Amino acid sequence: MANFDENSEGVIEIFNSAKGLVEFCLKNEPDVLFLDIELGDINGIELAKYLRNEFPTLIIVYITNHP
């Protein structure tokens, strides 16, 4: 797990597709992911299961506007 402190730097990326997100993750191995539950091309929970298998220490925070 990543160790964050006052000297840590971060990069924020925004994706409009699961494919783009997965490609980025495979190249960059993120520490934290804010993931919507409802995505246009895949269910966010299913995507999170895949990403969890690839990156066991990835912190996933679910967000949604769905009731």
Protein backbone atom coordinates (compact mmCIF):
# COMPACT_ATOMS: atom_id res chain seq x y z
CA MET A 1 0.00 0.00 0.00
CA ALA A 2 1.19 3.49 -0.77
CA ASN A 3 2.56 5.71 1.95
CA PHE A 4 1.16 9.24 1.64
CA ASP A 5 2.46 12.24 3.58
CA GLU A 6 2.74 16.03 3.16
CA ASN A 7 5.48 15.55 0.54
CA SER A 8 3.45 13.17 -1.63
CA GLU A 9 2.47 14.22 -5.12
CA GLY A 10 -0.54 13.06 -7.07
CA VAL A 11 -1.88 12.89 -10.58
CA ILE A 12 -5.58 13.00 -11.38
CA GLU A 13 -6.87 11.42 -14.58
CA ILE A 14 -10.46 11.32 -15.84
CA PHE A 15 -11.75 8.62 -18.19
CA ASN A 16 -14.90 8.35 -20.27
CA SER A 17 -14.55 4.63 -20.91
CA ALA A 18 -13.57 1.53 -18.99
CA LYS A 19 -11.13 0.59 -21.75
CA GLY A 20 -9.18 3.83 -21.35
CA LEU A 21 -9.14 3.42 -17.57
CA VAL A 22 -7.87 -0.17 -17.76
CA GLU A 23 -5.14 0.78 -20.26
CA PHE A 24 -3.99 3.58 -17.96
CA CYS A 25 -4.03 1.32 -14.90
CA LEU A 26 -2.00 -1.39 -16.62
CA LYS A 27 0.70 1.16 -17.51
CA ASN A 28 0.70 3.23 -14.31
CA GLU A 29 -0.55 1.06 -11.40
CA PRO A 30 -2.58 3.69 -9.51
CA ASP A 31 -2.91 3.76 -5.72
CA VAL A 32 -6.46 5.14 -5.45
CA LEU A 33 -9.39 4.97 -7.86
CA PHE A 34 -12.69 6.85 -7.64
CA LEU A 35 -15.08 4.72 -9.67
CA ASP A 36 -18.69 5.33 -10.65
CA ILE A 37 -20.97 2.34 -10.23
CA GLU A 38 -22.78 3.03 -13.49
CA LEU A 39 -20.56 3.38 -16.54
CA GLY A 40 -21.66 3.57 -20.15
CA ASP A 41 -19.79 0.52 -21.39
CA ILE A 42 -19.48 -1.69 -18.29
CA ASN A 43 -20.81 -2.00 -14.75
CA GLY A 44 -18.43 -0.28 -12.33
CA ILE A 45 -18.64 -3.10 -9.80
CA GLU A 46 -17.60 -5.66 -12.42
CA LEU A 47 -14.77 -3.40 -13.52
CA ALA A 48 -13.64 -3.08 -9.90
CA LYS A 49 -13.53 -6.88 -9.55
CA TYR A 50 -11.22 -7.08 -12.56
CA LEU A 51 -9.00 -4.26 -11.30
CA ARG A 52 -8.86 -5.78 -7.81
CA ASN A 53 -7.50 -9.00 -9.33
CA GLU A 54 -4.83 -7.07 -11.23
CA PHE A 55 -3.97 -4.66 -8.38
CA PRO A 56 -4.74 -6.23 -4.98
CA THR A 57 -3.66 -3.14 -3.01
CA LEU A 58 -5.65 -0.64 -5.11
CA ILE A 59 -7.95 1.51 -2.98
CA ILE A 60 -11.32 1.77 -4.73
CA VAL A 61 -13.82 4.44 -3.70
CA TYR A 62 -17.25 4.03 -5.27
CA ILE A 63 -19.16 7.14 -6.27
CA THR A 64 -22.50 7.46 -8.00
CA ASN A 65 -25.42 9.74 -8.69
CA HIS A 66 -27.71 6.72 -8.85
CA PRO A 67 -30.35 6.58 -6.07
